[in-house]
Amino acid sequence: MAAGASEAIDMNAAIDRGHLRRMTFGDRTLEQDVLELFDRQATILIGRMRAGDAAVVGSLAHTLKGSALGIGAGPVADAAQSVENAVGQAAAGSAGDVSAAIDRLAAKVEEARALIALLLRDA
């Protein structure tokens, strides 16, 4: 990451660090483990969403939403919910643009991953 990159990331927007501290009982090692797990899982799930059919995409988005809520990554959770909504709309014959929703989710995941990289680097 380039010098000054931490200034470009809103440290409170991507992940609610207070929520994360509460969920990990203030245990810094557990926090690091949970962040590393989320980072790996999110990358895998986005890749699978891009390759999966609508039923799989909805399930993967739901899984990612739960993980995001667990670490306080509200923007990721909201974007994952949008993917679930788009899948539902597409299944109902409505104009749900699943691919665009996945792209928006991937962007929110990248924001969270950038913050995670900073948090882990500074640990």
N, C-alpha and C. Protein backbone atom coordinates (compact mmCIF):
# COMPACT_ATOMS: atom_id res chain seq x y z
N MET A 1 0.84 -1.16 0.00
CA MET A 1 0.00 0.00 0.00
C MET A 1 0.89 1.23 0.00
N ALA A 2 0.54 2.24 -0.77
CA ALA A 2 1.35 3.43 -0.92
C ALA A 2 1.35 4.26 0.35
N ALA A 3 2.41 5.05 0.50
CA ALA A 3 2.48 5.94 1.65
C ALA A 3 1.29 6.88 1.61
N GLY A 4 0.71 7.13 2.76
CA GLY A 4 -0.44 8.01 2.83
C GLY A 4 -1.76 7.32 2.53
N ALA A 5 -1.70 6.02 2.24
CA ALA A 5 -2.93 5.31 1.88
C ALA A 5 -3.91 5.25 3.04
N SER A 6 -3.39 5.26 4.26
CA SER A 6 -4.30 5.18 5.41
C SER A 6 -5.19 6.40 5.49
N GLU A 7 -4.72 7.56 5.00
CA GLU A 7 -5.55 8.74 5.00
C GLU A 7 -6.71 8.61 4.02
N ALA A 8 -6.56 7.80 2.97
CA ALA A 8 -7.59 7.64 1.96
C ALA A 8 -8.71 6.72 2.43
N ILE A 9 -8.48 5.96 3.48
CA ILE A 9 -9.48 5.02 3.99
C ILE A 9 -10.11 5.63 5.23
N ASP A 10 -11.42 5.74 5.22
CA ASP A 10 -12.13 6.20 6.41
C ASP A 10 -12.07 5.06 7.42
N MET A 11 -11.30 5.25 8.47
CA MET A 11 -11.02 4.19 9.43
C MET A 11 -12.27 3.71 10.16
N ASN A 12 -13.33 4.49 10.16
CA ASN A 12 -14.54 4.09 10.86
C ASN A 12 -15.65 3.65 9.92
N ALA A 13 -15.53 3.94 8.65
CA ALA A 13 -16.62 3.64 7.72
C ALA A 13 -16.66 2.17 7.32
N ALA A 14 -15.52 1.59 7.00
CA ALA A 14 -15.50 0.22 6.49
C ALA A 14 -15.80 -0.81 7.58
N ILE A 15 -15.28 -0.59 8.76
CA ILE A 15 -15.47 -1.52 9.88
C ILE A 15 -15.67 -0.72 11.16
N ASP A 16 -16.71 -1.04 11.88
CA ASP A 16 -16.97 -0.42 13.18
C ASP A 16 -16.04 -1.09 14.18
N ARG A 17 -14.95 -0.41 14.50
CA ARG A 17 -13.93 -1.02 15.34
C ARG A 17 -14.41 -1.24 16.77
N GLY A 18 -15.33 -0.41 17.25
CA GLY A 18 -15.89 -0.63 18.58
C GLY A 18 -16.69 -1.93 18.62
N HIS A 19 -17.48 -2.17 17.56
CA HIS A 19 -18.23 -3.42 17.47
C HIS A 19 -17.27 -4.61 17.43
N LEU A 20 -16.24 -4.48 16.63
CA LEU A 20 -15.25 -5.55 16.51
C LEU A 20 -14.61 -5.84 17.87
N ARG A 21 -14.25 -4.79 18.61
CA ARG A 21 -13.66 -4.99 19.95
C ARG A 21 -14.63 -5.71 20.87
N ARG A 22 -15.91 -5.30 20.82
CA ARG A 22 -16.91 -5.96 21.68
C ARG A 22 -17.07 -7.44 21.30
N MET A 23 -17.11 -7.73 20.02
CA MET A 23 -17.31 -9.10 19.55
C MET A 23 -16.12 -10.00 19.87
N THR A 24 -14.94 -9.40 20.02
CA THR A 24 -13.74 -10.18 20.33
C THR A 24 -13.32 -10.00 21.78
N PHE A 25 -14.20 -9.43 22.58
CA PHE A 25 -13.98 -9.25 24.02
C PHE A 25 -12.69 -8.48 24.32
N GLY A 26 -12.30 -7.58 23.40
CA GLY A 26 -11.09 -6.80 23.59
C GLY A 26 -9.81 -7.58 23.42
N ASP A 27 -9.91 -8.82 22.99
CA ASP A 27 -8.74 -9.68 22.80
C ASP A 27 -8.13 -9.37 21.42
N ARG A 28 -7.00 -8.70 21.42
CA ARG A 28 -6.37 -8.25 20.17
C ARG A 28 -5.98 -9.43 19.28
N THR A 29 -5.52 -10.51 19.86
CA THR A 29 -5.16 -11.69 19.06
C THR A 29 -6.39 -12.27 18.38
N LEU A 30 -7.48 -12.38 19.11
CA LEU A 30 -8.72 -12.88 18.53
C LEU A 30 -9.20 -11.93 17.43
N GLU A 31 -9.09 -10.64 17.66
CA GLU A 31 -9.48 -9.65 16.65
C GLU A 31 -8.69 -9.87 15.36
N GLN A 32 -7.39 -10.05 15.49
CA GLN A 32 -6.54 -10.28 14.32
C GLN A 32 -6.96 -11.56 13.60
N ASP A 33 -7.21 -12.62 14.36
CA ASP A 33 -7.62 -13.90 13.76
C ASP A 33 -8.94 -13.75 13.01
N VAL A 34 -9.89 -13.05 13.61
CA VAL A 34 -11.20 -12.86 12.98
C VAL A 34 -11.06 -12.03 11.70
N LEU A 35 -10.25 -10.98 11.75
CA LEU A 35 -10.04 -10.15 10.57
C LEU A 35 -9.37 -10.93 9.44
N GLU A 36 -8.38 -11.73 9.79
CA GLU A 36 -7.70 -12.55 8.78
C GLU A 36 -8.67 -13.55 8.15
N LEU A 37 -9.50 -14.15 8.97
CA LEU A 37 -10.49 -15.10 8.47
C LEU A 37 -11.49 -14.41 7.55
N PHE A 38 -12.00 -13.25 7.95
CA PHE A 38 -12.93 -12.51 7.11
C PHE A 38 -12.27 -12.15 5.78
N ASP A 39 -11.05 -11.68 5.83
CA ASP A 39 -10.33 -11.29 4.63
C ASP A 39 -10.25 -12.45 3.63
N ARG A 40 -9.87 -13.61 4.11
CA ARG A 40 -9.77 -14.79 3.23
C ARG A 40 -11.15 -15.22 2.73
N GLN A 41 -12.10 -15.30 3.65
CA GLN A 41 -13.44 -15.76 3.29
C GLN A 41 -14.09 -14.83 2.27
N ALA A 42 -13.98 -13.53 2.48
CA ALA A 42 -14.61 -12.57 1.57
C ALA A 42 -14.06 -12.70 0.16
N THR A 43 -12.75 -12.87 0.06
CA THR A 43 -12.13 -13.03 -1.26
C THR A 43 -12.65 -14.29 -1.96
N ILE A 44 -12.72 -15.37 -1.23
CA ILE A 44 -13.20 -16.64 -1.80
C ILE A 44 -14.67 -16.51 -2.22
N LEU A 45 -15.49 -15.92 -1.36
CA LEU A 45 -16.93 -15.83 -1.65
C LEU A 45 -17.21 -14.93 -2.85
N ILE A 46 -16.50 -13.82 -2.97
CA ILE A 46 -16.70 -12.96 -4.14
C ILE A 46 -16.35 -13.71 -5.42
N GLY A 47 -15.24 -14.44 -5.40
CA GLY A 47 -14.85 -15.23 -6.57
C GLY A 47 -15.91 -16.26 -6.93
N ARG A 48 -16.45 -16.92 -5.93
CA ARG A 48 -17.49 -17.93 -6.19
C ARG A 48 -18.78 -17.29 -6.67
N MET A 49 -19.11 -16.11 -6.16
CA MET A 49 -20.31 -15.41 -6.63
C MET A 49 -20.20 -15.07 -8.11
N ARG A 50 -19.04 -14.63 -8.52
CA ARG A 50 -18.85 -14.26 -9.93
C ARG A 50 -18.99 -15.47 -10.86
N ALA A 51 -18.73 -16.66 -10.32
CA ALA A 51 -18.79 -17.88 -11.14
C ALA A 51 -20.07 -18.67 -10.94
N GLY A 52 -20.89 -18.32 -9.96
CA GLY A 52 -22.04 -19.14 -9.60
C GLY A 52 -23.34 -18.72 -10.25
N ASP A 53 -24.32 -19.63 -10.17
CA ASP A 53 -25.66 -19.29 -10.64
C ASP A 53 -26.40 -18.54 -9.54
N ALA A 54 -27.58 -18.04 -9.85
CA ALA A 54 -28.32 -17.16 -8.94
C ALA A 54 -28.56 -17.79 -7.57
N ALA A 55 -28.93 -19.06 -7.53
CA ALA A 55 -29.21 -19.71 -6.24
C ALA A 55 -27.95 -19.75 -5.37
N VAL A 56 -26.84 -20.04 -5.98
CA VAL A 56 -25.57 -20.08 -5.24
C VAL A 56 -25.18 -18.67 -4.81
N VAL A 57 -25.36 -17.70 -5.68
CA VAL A 57 -24.98 -16.32 -5.37
C VAL A 57 -25.75 -15.83 -4.15
N GLY A 58 -27.04 -16.09 -4.11
CA GLY A 58 -27.84 -15.64 -2.97
C GLY A 58 -27.36 -16.24 -1.66
N SER A 59 -27.05 -17.50 -1.68
CA SER A 59 -26.57 -18.18 -0.47
C SER A 59 -25.21 -17.65 -0.04
N LEU A 60 -24.32 -17.44 -0.98
CA LEU A 60 -22.99 -16.92 -0.66
C LEU A 60 -23.07 -15.50 -0.14
N ALA A 61 -23.95 -14.69 -0.73
CA ALA A 61 -24.13 -13.31 -0.26
C ALA A 61 -24.65 -13.31 1.18
N HIS A 62 -25.56 -14.23 1.47
CA HIS A 62 -26.10 -14.32 2.82
C HIS A 62 -25.00 -14.70 3.82
N THR A 63 -24.15 -15.62 3.44
CA THR A 63 -23.02 -16.02 4.29
C THR A 63 -22.09 -14.84 4.54
N LEU A 64 -21.76 -14.11 3.48
CA LEU A 64 -20.86 -12.97 3.61
C LEU A 64 -21.50 -11.88 4.46
N LYS A 65 -22.80 -11.68 4.31
CA LYS A 65 -23.50 -10.68 5.13
C LYS A 65 -23.35 -11.01 6.62
N GLY A 66 -23.56 -12.26 6.98
CA GLY A 66 -23.42 -12.66 8.38
C GLY A 66 -22.02 -12.44 8.91
N SER A 67 -21.04 -12.79 8.12
CA SER A 67 -19.64 -12.59 8.53
C SER A 67 -19.33 -11.11 8.69
N ALA A 68 -19.83 -10.31 7.76
CA ALA A 68 -19.58 -8.87 7.81
C ALA A 68 -20.22 -8.26 9.06
N LEU A 69 -21.43 -8.67 9.37
CA LEU A 69 -22.09 -8.16 10.57
C LEU A 69 -21.31 -8.55 11.82
N GLY A 70 -20.71 -9.72 11.80
CA GLY A 70 -19.94 -10.19 12.95
C GLY A 70 -18.72 -9.33 13.25
N ILE A 71 -18.10 -8.76 12.23
CA ILE A 71 -16.91 -7.94 12.48
C ILE A 71 -17.22 -6.45 12.45
N GLY A 72 -18.47 -6.09 12.20
CA GLY A 72 -18.83 -4.68 12.16
C GLY A 72 -18.62 -4.02 10.81
N ALA A 73 -18.58 -4.82 9.75
CA ALA A 73 -18.41 -4.28 8.40
C ALA A 73 -19.79 -4.01 7.79
N GLY A 74 -20.46 -3.00 8.32
CA GLY A 74 -21.81 -2.66 7.89
C GLY A 74 -21.96 -2.40 6.40
N PRO A 75 -21.06 -1.65 5.77
CA PRO A 75 -21.19 -1.41 4.33
C PRO A 75 -21.13 -2.70 3.50
N VAL A 76 -20.31 -3.65 3.94
CA VAL A 76 -20.24 -4.94 3.25
C VAL A 76 -21.56 -5.69 3.44
N ALA A 77 -22.06 -5.69 4.66
CA ALA A 77 -23.33 -6.38 4.95
C ALA A 77 -24.47 -5.77 4.13
N ASP A 78 -24.51 -4.45 4.04
CA ASP A 78 -25.56 -3.78 3.25
C ASP A 78 -25.46 -4.16 1.77
N ALA A 79 -24.23 -4.18 1.26
CA ALA A 79 -24.04 -4.53 -0.15
C ALA A 79 -24.37 -6.00 -0.39
N ALA A 80 -24.08 -6.87 0.57
CA ALA A 80 -24.44 -8.28 0.43
C ALA A 80 -25.96 -8.45 0.43
N GLN A 81 -26.65 -7.66 1.26
CA GLN A 81 -28.11 -7.69 1.25
C GLN A 81 -28.65 -7.24 -0.10
N SER A 82 -28.00 -6.27 -0.72
CA SER A 82 -28.40 -5.81 -2.05
C SER A 82 -28.24 -6.92 -3.08
N VAL A 83 -27.20 -7.73 -2.93
CA VAL A 83 -27.03 -8.88 -3.83
C VAL A 83 -28.17 -9.86 -3.62
N GLU A 84 -28.48 -10.14 -2.36
CA GLU A 84 -29.61 -11.05 -2.08
C GLU A 84 -30.90 -10.50 -2.69
N ASN A 85 -31.12 -9.21 -2.56
CA ASN A 85 -32.32 -8.60 -3.13
C ASN A 85 -32.34 -8.72 -4.64
N ALA A 86 -31.21 -8.48 -5.28
CA ALA A 86 -31.12 -8.56 -6.73
C ALA A 86 -31.39 -9.99 -7.21
N VAL A 87 -30.88 -10.97 -6.49
CA VAL A 87 -31.12 -12.37 -6.82
C VAL A 87 -32.62 -12.66 -6.73
N GLY A 88 -33.25 -12.18 -5.66
CA GLY A 88 -34.69 -12.38 -5.49
C GLY A 88 -35.50 -11.73 -6.59
N GLN A 89 -35.11 -10.53 -6.97
CA GLN A 89 -35.81 -9.83 -8.05
C GLN A 89 -35.64 -10.56 -9.37
N ALA A 90 -34.43 -11.03 -9.63
CA ALA A 90 -34.17 -11.76 -10.88
C ALA A 90 -34.98 -13.06 -10.91
N ALA A 91 -35.08 -13.74 -9.78
CA ALA A 91 -35.84 -14.98 -9.71
C ALA A 91 -37.32 -14.74 -9.92
N ALA A 92 -37.79 -13.57 -9.52
CA ALA A 92 -39.21 -13.22 -9.68
C ALA A 92 -39.50 -12.63 -11.05
N GLY A 93 -38.48 -12.58 -11.90
CA GLY A 93 -38.67 -12.06 -13.24
C GLY A 93 -38.55 -10.55 -13.33
N SER A 94 -38.14 -9.92 -12.24
CA SER A 94 -37.96 -8.47 -12.21
C SER A 94 -36.57 -8.13 -12.74
N ALA A 95 -36.30 -6.86 -12.82
CA ALA A 95 -35.02 -6.41 -13.37
C ALA A 95 -33.96 -6.32 -12.28
N GLY A 96 -33.63 -7.42 -11.69
CA GLY A 96 -32.57 -7.43 -10.69
C GLY A 96 -31.23 -7.64 -11.37
N ASP A 97 -30.35 -6.64 -11.31
CA ASP A 97 -29.03 -6.75 -11.95
C ASP A 97 -28.05 -7.35 -10.95
N VAL A 98 -27.97 -8.66 -10.95
CA VAL A 98 -27.14 -9.39 -10.00
C VAL A 98 -25.66 -9.06 -10.20
N SER A 99 -25.23 -9.01 -11.43
CA SER A 99 -23.81 -8.76 -11.71
C SER A 99 -23.37 -7.40 -11.18
N ALA A 100 -24.19 -6.38 -11.39
CA ALA A 100 -23.85 -5.04 -10.89
C ALA A 100 -23.84 -5.02 -9.36
N ALA A 101 -24.76 -5.74 -8.74
CA ALA A 101 -24.81 -5.81 -7.28
C ALA A 101 -23.56 -6.50 -6.74
N ILE A 102 -23.12 -7.54 -7.42
CA ILE A 102 -21.88 -8.22 -7.01
C ILE A 102 -20.69 -7.28 -7.14
N ASP A 103 -20.66 -6.50 -8.22
CA ASP A 103 -19.57 -5.54 -8.39
C ASP A 103 -19.53 -4.52 -7.26
N ARG A 104 -20.71 -4.03 -6.85
CA ARG A 104 -20.77 -3.07 -5.73
C ARG A 104 -20.32 -3.74 -4.43
N LEU A 105 -20.74 -4.99 -4.24
CA LEU A 105 -20.31 -5.74 -3.06
C LEU A 105 -18.80 -5.92 -3.07
N ALA A 106 -18.24 -6.29 -4.20
CA ALA A 106 -16.79 -6.48 -4.31
C ALA A 106 -16.04 -5.20 -3.95
N ALA A 107 -16.57 -4.05 -4.35
CA ALA A 107 -15.93 -2.77 -4.02
C ALA A 107 -15.95 -2.53 -2.51
N LYS A 108 -17.06 -2.84 -1.86
CA LYS A 108 -17.15 -2.67 -0.40
C LYS A 108 -16.23 -3.65 0.32
N VAL A 109 -16.12 -4.86 -0.21
CA VAL A 109 -15.20 -5.84 0.36
C VAL A 109 -13.77 -5.33 0.25
N GLU A 110 -13.42 -4.74 -0.88
CA GLU A 110 -12.05 -4.23 -1.05
C GLU A 110 -11.77 -3.10 -0.08
N GLU A 111 -12.75 -2.25 0.20
CA GLU A 111 -12.56 -1.19 1.19
C GLU A 111 -12.28 -1.81 2.57
N ALA A 112 -13.07 -2.80 2.92
CA ALA A 112 -12.87 -3.47 4.21
C ALA A 112 -11.51 -4.16 4.26
N ARG A 113 -11.14 -4.82 3.16
CA ARG A 113 -9.86 -5.51 3.13
C ARG A 113 -8.69 -4.54 3.24
N ALA A 114 -8.83 -3.36 2.66
CA ALA A 114 -7.76 -2.35 2.77
C ALA A 114 -7.60 -1.92 4.23
N LEU A 115 -8.71 -1.72 4.92
CA LEU A 115 -8.63 -1.36 6.33
C LEU A 115 -8.06 -2.52 7.15
N ILE A 116 -8.50 -3.73 6.84
CA ILE A 116 -7.95 -4.90 7.54
C ILE A 116 -6.44 -4.98 7.37
N ALA A 117 -5.95 -4.73 6.17
CA ALA A 117 -4.51 -4.77 5.92
C ALA A 117 -3.80 -3.73 6.81
N LEU A 118 -4.39 -2.55 6.93
CA LEU A 118 -3.79 -1.53 7.80
C LEU A 118 -3.82 -1.96 9.26
N LEU A 119 -4.95 -2.49 9.69
CA LEU A 119 -5.07 -2.91 11.09
C LEU A 119 -4.10 -4.03 11.43
N LEU A 120 -3.94 -4.96 10.52
CA LEU A 120 -3.03 -6.08 10.77
C LEU A 120 -1.57 -5.63 10.69
N ARG A 121 -1.31 -4.69 9.82
CA ARG A 121 0.06 -4.18 9.69
C ARG A 121 0.47 -3.44 10.97
N ASP A 122 -0.50 -2.70 11.54
CA ASP A 122 -0.20 -1.89 12.73
C ASP A 122 -0.28 -2.68 14.03
N ALA A 123 -0.62 -3.97 13.93
CA ALA A 123 -0.80 -4.79 15.14
C ALA A 123 0.51 -5.08 15.83
